Amino acid sequence: MMGDEGGAYWIAWRALKHLFDSDDGLQACPYSLQFLRAEMHDYFQVTNNYGMLRHLYTDFKKSYMARFTLRVVDGAKKGDPLCLSVFKEAGQQLAKHIMAVSDKSDADKFPNGLTVVCMGSVWKSWDLLSQSFIETLKPTLDKFKLLRLVQLTGNGTVGAAVVGARDSGFTVPIDYDKLTHTVCTLTADN
């Protein structure tokens, strides 16, 4: 689960963490917990936070927990402030992943900017992530001038085969634009 910040599991965990931290008196949540609490009770079939211990420890299933993100998406689309804030945080976290890698990269080696392959269903919620993602990413955009976010339209093993061929001294002509769909193109001027 290292490096999962901003992903579906993290979104579900972060939303529930707000609820638990507020209930435990660790950190007051500035937003109403009503929507999220009702969704937690319904999705996990529990009546209180204690009932969640089974899902968080004894019978923990990451994929089941990650699917709770659909409930957080629903809340965000209905305007629930807590759910919206979790997606704002998720956008920031996803941008930080790119920033961490780009900080170790030389912009001169990427004269056409960076292309980032976005994997996972969380990108279906781009409308909920985009504003905080773009705001957080501004320093990277200043360095690289252009960032293209793409999703694969085909099988990801093609890229692995191309890298394997290149490392073996062979060149495989690939039109990557035919294998991807552009989510967003960002420039330093955005």
C-alpha atoms as a PDB file:
ATOM      1  CA  MET A   1       0.000   0.000   0.000  1.00  0.00           C
ATOM      2  CA  MET A   2       3.045   2.206  -0.206  1.00  0.00           C
ATOM      3  CA  GLY A   3       2.565   4.867  -2.843  1.00  0.00           C
ATOM      4  CA  ASP A   4      -1.211   4.404  -2.987  1.00  0.00           C
ATOM      5  CA  GLU A   5      -1.957   8.023  -2.088  1.00  0.00           C
ATOM      6  CA  GLY A   6      -4.711   9.397  -4.289  1.00  0.00           C
ATOM      7  CA  GLY A   7      -5.859   5.960  -5.466  1.00  0.00           C
ATOM      8  CA  ALA A   8      -9.283   4.423  -4.869  1.00  0.00           C
ATOM      9  CA  TYR A   9      -8.305   2.564  -1.702  1.00  0.00           C
ATOM     10  CA  TRP A  10      -6.683   5.712  -0.318  1.00  0.00           C
ATOM     11  CA  ILE A  11      -9.813   7.782  -1.068  1.00  0.00           C
ATOM     12  CA  ALA A  12     -12.014   5.302   0.796  1.00  0.00           C
ATOM     13  CA  TRP A  13      -9.530   5.096   3.675  1.00  0.00           C
ATOM     14  CA  ARG A  14      -9.162   8.884   3.865  1.00  0.00           C
ATOM     15  CA  ALA A  15     -12.922   9.467   3.944  1.00  0.00           C
ATOM     16  CA  LEU A  16     -13.381   6.902   6.715  1.00  0.00           C
ATOM     17  CA  LYS A  17     -10.354   8.278   8.568  1.00  0.00           C
ATOM     18  CA  HIS A  18     -12.043  11.691   8.767  1.00  0.00           C
ATOM     19  CA  LEU A  19     -15.080  10.022  10.323  1.00  0.00           C
ATOM     20  CA  PHE A  20     -13.116   7.889  12.792  1.00  0.00           C
ATOM     21  CA  ASP A  21     -10.751  10.701  13.802  1.00  0.00           C
ATOM     22  CA  SER A  22     -13.678  13.009  14.478  1.00  0.00           C
ATOM     23  CA  ASP A  23     -15.614  10.389  16.455  1.00  0.00           C
ATOM     24  CA  ASP A  24     -12.507   9.469  18.473  1.00  0.00           C
ATOM     25  CA  GLY A  25     -11.765  13.118  19.275  1.00  0.00           C
ATOM     26  CA  LEU A  26      -8.399  13.053  17.491  1.00  0.00           C
ATOM     27  CA  GLN A  27      -9.232  15.647  14.830  1.00  0.00           C
ATOM     28  CA  ALA A  28     -12.515  17.477  14.472  1.00  0.00           C
ATOM     29  CA  CYS A  29     -13.906  17.307  10.946  1.00  0.00           C
ATOM     30  CA  PRO A  30     -15.012  20.715   9.684  1.00  0.00           C
ATOM     31  CA  TYR A  31     -17.731  19.079   7.575  1.00  0.00           C
ATOM     32  CA  SER A  32     -20.872  17.132   8.322  1.00  0.00           C
ATOM     33  CA  LEU A  33     -20.279  13.404   8.663  1.00  0.00           C
ATOM     34  CA  GLN A  34     -23.940  12.529   8.099  1.00  0.00           C
ATOM     35  CA  PHE A  35     -23.712  11.449   4.449  1.00  0.00           C
ATOM     36  CA  LEU A  36     -20.505   9.478   4.875  1.00  0.00           C
ATOM     37  CA  ARG A  37     -21.702   7.752   8.050  1.00  0.00           C
ATOM     38  CA  ALA A  38     -24.941   6.626   6.367  1.00  0.00           C
ATOM     39  CA  GLU A  39     -22.990   5.334   3.346  1.00  0.00           C
ATOM     40  CA  MET A  40     -20.520   3.479   5.591  1.00  0.00           C
ATOM     41  CA  HIS A  41     -23.375   1.812   7.494  1.00  0.00           C
ATOM     42  CA  ASP A  42     -25.119   0.794   4.261  1.00  0.00           C
ATOM     43  CA  TYR A  43     -22.085  -0.362   2.263  1.00  0.00           C
ATOM     44  CA  PHE A  44     -20.344  -2.283   5.032  1.00  0.00           C
ATOM     45  CA  GLN A  45     -23.600  -3.417   6.662  1.00  0.00           C
ATOM     46  CA  VAL A  46     -22.598  -2.107  10.105  1.00  0.00           C
ATOM     47  CA  THR A  47     -24.447  -0.036  12.685  1.00  0.00           C
ATOM     48  CA  ASN A  48     -21.457   1.693  14.282  1.00  0.00           C
ATOM     49  CA  ASN A  49     -17.698   2.238  14.015  1.00  0.00           C
ATOM     50  CA  TYR A  50     -17.002  -0.840  16.122  1.00  0.00           C
ATOM     51  CA  GLY A  51     -18.614  -2.969  13.397  1.00  0.00           C
ATOM     52  CA  MET A  52     -15.986  -1.676  10.983  1.00  0.00           C
ATOM     53  CA  LEU A  53     -13.143  -3.402  12.837  1.00  0.00           C
ATOM     54  CA  ARG A  54     -13.940  -6.657  11.051  1.00  0.00           C
ATOM     55  CA  HIS A  55     -13.573  -4.936   7.644  1.00  0.00           C
ATOM     56  CA  LEU A  56     -10.432  -3.071   8.657  1.00  0.00           C
ATOM     57  CA  TYR A  57      -8.582  -5.950  10.312  1.00  0.00           C
ATOM     58  CA  THR A  58     -10.023  -9.470  10.542  1.00  0.00           C
ATOM     59  CA  ASP A  59     -11.581  -9.714   7.063  1.00  0.00           C
ATOM     60  CA  PHE A  60      -9.717  -6.882   5.349  1.00  0.00           C
ATOM     61  CA  LYS A  61     -10.004  -6.881   1.550  1.00  0.00           C
ATOM     62  CA  LYS A  62      -8.343  -3.967  -0.182  1.00  0.00           C
ATOM     63  CA  SER A  63     -10.510  -4.224  -3.303  1.00  0.00           C
ATOM     64  CA  TYR A  64     -13.715  -4.241  -1.243  1.00  0.00           C
ATOM     65  CA  MET A  65     -12.532  -1.203   0.691  1.00  0.00           C
ATOM     66  CA  ALA A  66     -11.556   0.545  -2.567  1.00  0.00           C
ATOM     67  CA  ARG A  67     -15.045   0.035  -4.003  1.00  0.00           C
ATOM     68  CA  PHE A  68     -16.384   2.225  -1.173  1.00  0.00           C
ATOM     69  CA  THR A  69     -14.862   5.067  -3.206  1.00  0.00           C
ATOM     70  CA  LEU A  70     -17.929   4.840  -5.464  1.00  0.00           C
ATOM     71  CA  ARG A  71     -19.968   6.030  -2.476  1.00  0.00           C
ATOM     72  CA  VAL A  72     -17.542   8.912  -1.939  1.00  0.00           C
ATOM     73  CA  VAL A  73     -17.853   9.780  -5.653  1.00  0.00           C
ATOM     74  CA  ASP A  74     -21.631   9.796  -5.291  1.00  0.00           C
ATOM     75  CA  GLY A  75     -21.370  12.138  -2.305  1.00  0.00           C
ATOM     76  CA  ALA A  76     -18.993  14.466  -4.125  1.00  0.00           C
ATOM     77  CA  LYS A  77     -21.280  14.628  -7.159  1.00  0.00           C
ATOM     78  CA  LYS A  78     -24.169  15.472  -4.821  1.00  0.00           C
ATOM     79  CA  GLY A  79     -22.060  18.276  -3.345  1.00  0.00           C
ATOM     80  CA  ASP A  80     -21.205  16.738   0.038  1.00  0.00           C
ATOM     81  CA  PRO A  81     -18.384  18.977   1.375  1.00  0.00           C
ATOM     82  CA  LEU A  82     -16.483  16.128   3.087  1.00  0.00           C
ATOM     83  CA  CYS A  83     -16.494  13.956  -0.036  1.00  0.00           C
ATOM     84  CA  LEU A  84     -15.433  16.937  -2.157  1.00  0.00           C
ATOM     85  CA  SER A  85     -12.565  17.667   0.236  1.00  0.00           C
ATOM     86  CA  VAL A  86     -11.343  14.060   0.032  1.00  0.00           C
ATOM     87  CA  PHE A  87     -11.199  14.323  -3.765  1.00  0.00           C
ATOM     88  CA  LYS A  88      -9.367  17.625  -3.453  1.00  0.00           C
ATOM     89  CA  GLU A  89      -6.783  15.861  -1.273  1.00  0.00           C
ATOM     90  CA  ALA A  90      -6.628  12.963  -3.752  1.00  0.00           C
ATOM     91  CA  GLY A  91      -5.878  15.339  -6.637  1.00  0.00           C
ATOM     92  CA  GLN A  92      -3.068  16.872  -4.599  1.00  0.00           C
ATOM     93  CA  GLN A  93      -1.634  13.451  -3.755  1.00  0.00           C
ATOM     94  CA  LEU A  94      -1.706  12.238  -7.360  1.00  0.00           C
ATOM     95  CA  ALA A  95       0.086  15.394  -8.467  1.00  0.00           C
ATOM     96  CA  LYS A  96       2.721  14.863  -5.786  1.00  0.00           C
ATOM     97  CA  HIS A  97       3.563  11.449  -7.289  1.00  0.00           C
ATOM     98  CA  ILE A  98       4.386  13.130 -10.591  1.00  0.00           C
ATOM     99  CA  MET A  99       6.293  15.900  -8.840  1.00  0.00           C
ATOM    100  CA  ALA A 100       8.432  13.378  -6.955  1.00  0.00           C
ATOM    101  CA  VAL A 101       9.518  11.670 -10.172  1.00  0.00           C
ATOM    102  CA  SER A 102       9.942  14.875 -12.157  1.00  0.00           C
ATOM    103  CA  ASP A 103      12.110  16.408  -9.435  1.00  0.00           C
ATOM    104  CA  LYS A 104      14.644  13.656 -10.208  1.00  0.00           C
ATOM    105  CA  SER A 105      14.403  14.209 -13.964  1.00  0.00           C
ATOM    106  CA  ASP A 106      16.235  16.564 -16.275  1.00  0.00           C
ATOM    107  CA  ALA A 107      13.783  18.728 -18.244  1.00  0.00           C
ATOM    108  CA  ASP A 108      16.281  18.911 -21.139  1.00  0.00           C
ATOM    109  CA  LYS A 109      15.779  15.184 -21.742  1.00  0.00           C
ATOM    110  CA  PHE A 110      12.057  15.805 -22.296  1.00  0.00           C
ATOM    111  CA  PRO A 111      11.920  18.576 -24.909  1.00  0.00           C
ATOM    112  CA  ASN A 112       8.321  17.643 -25.767  1.00  0.00           C
ATOM    113  CA  GLY A 113       7.233  17.638 -22.121  1.00  0.00           C
ATOM    114  CA  LEU A 114       6.200  14.732 -19.929  1.00  0.00           C
ATOM    115  CA  THR A 115       3.661  12.048 -20.770  1.00  0.00           C
ATOM    116  CA  VAL A 116       2.193  10.243 -17.781  1.00  0.00           C
ATOM    117  CA  VAL A 117       0.163   7.041 -18.138  1.00  0.00           C
ATOM    118  CA  CYS A 118      -2.751   7.184 -15.689  1.00  0.00           C
ATOM    119  CA  MET A 119      -3.809   3.761 -14.454  1.00  0.00           C
ATOM    120  CA  GLY A 120      -6.826   2.804 -12.382  1.00  0.00           C
ATOM    121  CA  SER A 121     -10.486   3.709 -12.113  1.00  0.00           C
ATOM    122  CA  VAL A 122      -9.786   6.773  -9.997  1.00  0.00           C
ATOM    123  CA  TRP A 123      -9.135   8.688 -13.246  1.00  0.00           C
ATOM    124  CA  LYS A 124     -12.821   8.273 -14.117  1.00  0.00           C
ATOM    125  CA  SER A 125     -13.310  10.968 -11.475  1.00  0.00           C
ATOM    126  CA  TRP A 126     -11.005  13.455 -13.201  1.00  0.00           C
ATOM    127  CA  ASP A 127     -13.700  16.134 -12.887  1.00  0.00           C
ATOM    128  CA  LEU A 128     -13.430  15.840  -9.090  1.00  0.00           C
ATOM    129  CA  LEU A 129      -9.611  15.716  -9.018  1.00  0.00           C
ATOM    130  CA  SER A 130      -8.535  18.084 -11.748  1.00  0.00           C
ATOM    131  CA  GLN A 131      -8.557  21.470 -10.024  1.00  0.00           C
ATOM    132  CA  SER A 132      -6.410  20.501  -7.032  1.00  0.00           C
ATOM    133  CA  PHE A 133      -4.235  18.286  -9.250  1.00  0.00           C
ATOM    134  CA  ILE A 134      -3.438  21.158 -11.608  1.00  0.00           C
ATOM    135  CA  GLU A 135      -2.884  23.679  -8.801  1.00  0.00           C
ATOM    136  CA  THR A 136      -0.480  21.332  -7.015  1.00  0.00           C
ATOM    137  CA  LEU A 137       1.399  20.524 -10.220  1.00  0.00           C
ATOM    138  CA  LYS A 138       2.204  24.140 -11.219  1.00  0.00           C
ATOM    139  CA  PRO A 139       5.933  23.983 -10.217  1.00  0.00           C
ATOM    140  CA  THR A 140       6.409  20.885 -12.386  1.00  0.00           C
ATOM    141  CA  LEU A 141       4.643  22.540 -15.291  1.00  0.00           C
ATOM    142  CA  ASP A 142       6.961  25.522 -14.977  1.00  0.00           C
ATOM    143  CA  LYS A 143       9.930  23.136 -15.290  1.00  0.00           C
ATOM    144  CA  PHE A 144       8.688  20.854 -18.088  1.00  0.00           C
ATOM    145  CA  LYS A 145       6.336  23.293 -19.883  1.00  0.00           C
ATOM    146  CA  LEU A 146       3.964  20.505 -20.964  1.00  0.00           C
ATOM    147  CA  LEU A 147       2.377  17.499 -19.290  1.00  0.00           C
ATOM    148  CA  ARG A 148       0.150  15.035 -21.080  1.00  0.00           C
ATOM    149  CA  LEU A 149      -1.970  12.638 -19.044  1.00  0.00           C
ATOM    150  CA  VAL A 150      -2.974   9.559 -21.020  1.00  0.00           C
ATOM    151  CA  GLN A 151      -4.765   6.296 -20.421  1.00  0.00           C
ATOM    152  CA  LEU A 152      -4.034   3.092 -22.276  1.00  0.00           C
ATOM    153  CA  THR A 153      -6.653   1.990 -24.790  1.00  0.00           C
ATOM    154  CA  GLY A 154      -4.979  -1.359 -25.354  1.00  0.00           C
ATOM    155  CA  ASN A 155      -2.888  -3.884 -23.512  1.00  0.00           C
ATOM    156  CA  GLY A 156      -0.097  -2.495 -21.309  1.00  0.00           C
ATOM    157  CA  THR A 157       2.211  -5.372 -22.194  1.00  0.00           C
ATOM    158  CA  VAL A 158       2.944  -3.697 -25.536  1.00  0.00           C
ATOM    159  CA  GLY A 159       5.030  -1.077 -23.737  1.00  0.00           C
ATOM    160  CA  ALA A 160       6.903  -3.762 -21.825  1.00  0.00           C
ATOM    161  CA  ALA A 161       7.657  -5.599 -25.076  1.00  0.00           C
ATOM    162  CA  VAL A 162       8.938  -2.382 -26.683  1.00  0.00           C
ATOM    163  CA  VAL A 163      11.238  -1.703 -23.714  1.00  0.00           C
ATOM    164  CA  GLY A 164      12.466  -5.312 -23.775  1.00  0.00           C
ATOM    165  CA  ALA A 165      13.180  -5.077 -27.503  1.00  0.00           C
ATOM    166  CA  ARG A 166      14.976  -1.730 -27.083  1.00  0.00           C
ATOM    167  CA  ASP A 167      17.113  -3.127 -24.268  1.00  0.00           C
ATOM    168  CA  SER A 168      18.039  -6.022 -26.568  1.00  0.00           C
ATOM    169  CA  GLY A 169      19.130  -3.649 -29.328  1.00  0.00           C
ATOM    170  CA  PHE A 170      15.986  -3.782 -31.483  1.00  0.00           C
ATOM    171  CA  THR A 171      13.729  -0.928 -32.511  1.00  0.00           C
ATOM    172  CA  VAL A 172       9.994  -1.506 -32.697  1.00  0.00           C
ATOM    173  CA  PRO A 173       8.068   1.224 -34.506  1.00  0.00           C
ATOM    174  CA  ILE A 174       5.112   2.073 -32.292  1.00  0.00           C
ATOM    175  CA  ASP A 175       2.595   4.886 -32.670  1.00  0.00           C
ATOM    176  CA  TYR A 176       1.851   5.483 -28.990  1.00  0.00           C
ATOM    177  CA  ASP A 177      -0.962   7.901 -29.839  1.00  0.00           C
ATOM    178  CA  LYS A 178      -2.929   4.948 -31.245  1.00  0.00           C
ATOM    179  CA  LEU A 179      -2.520   3.076 -27.954  1.00  0.00           C
ATOM    180  CA  THR A 180      -3.611   5.886 -25.634  1.00  0.00           C
ATOM    181  CA  HIS A 181      -6.435   8.290 -24.957  1.00  0.00           C
ATOM    182  CA  THR A 182      -5.492  11.776 -23.751  1.00  0.00           C
ATOM    183  CA  VAL A 183      -7.126  12.668 -20.442  1.00  0.00           C
ATOM    184  CA  CYS A 184      -5.689  16.163 -20.309  1.00  0.00           C
ATOM    185  CA  THR A 185      -2.864  18.270 -21.692  1.00  0.00           C
ATOM    186  CA  LEU A 186      -1.454  20.876 -19.309  1.00  0.00           C
ATOM    187  CA  THR A 187       0.973  23.657 -20.077  1.00  0.00           C
ATOM    188  CA  ALA A 188       2.832  26.131 -17.918  1.00  0.00           C
ATOM    189  CA  ASP A 189       0.338  28.754 -19.122  1.00  0.00           C
ATOM    190  CA  ASN A 190      -2.714  26.927 -17.647  1.00  0.00           C
END
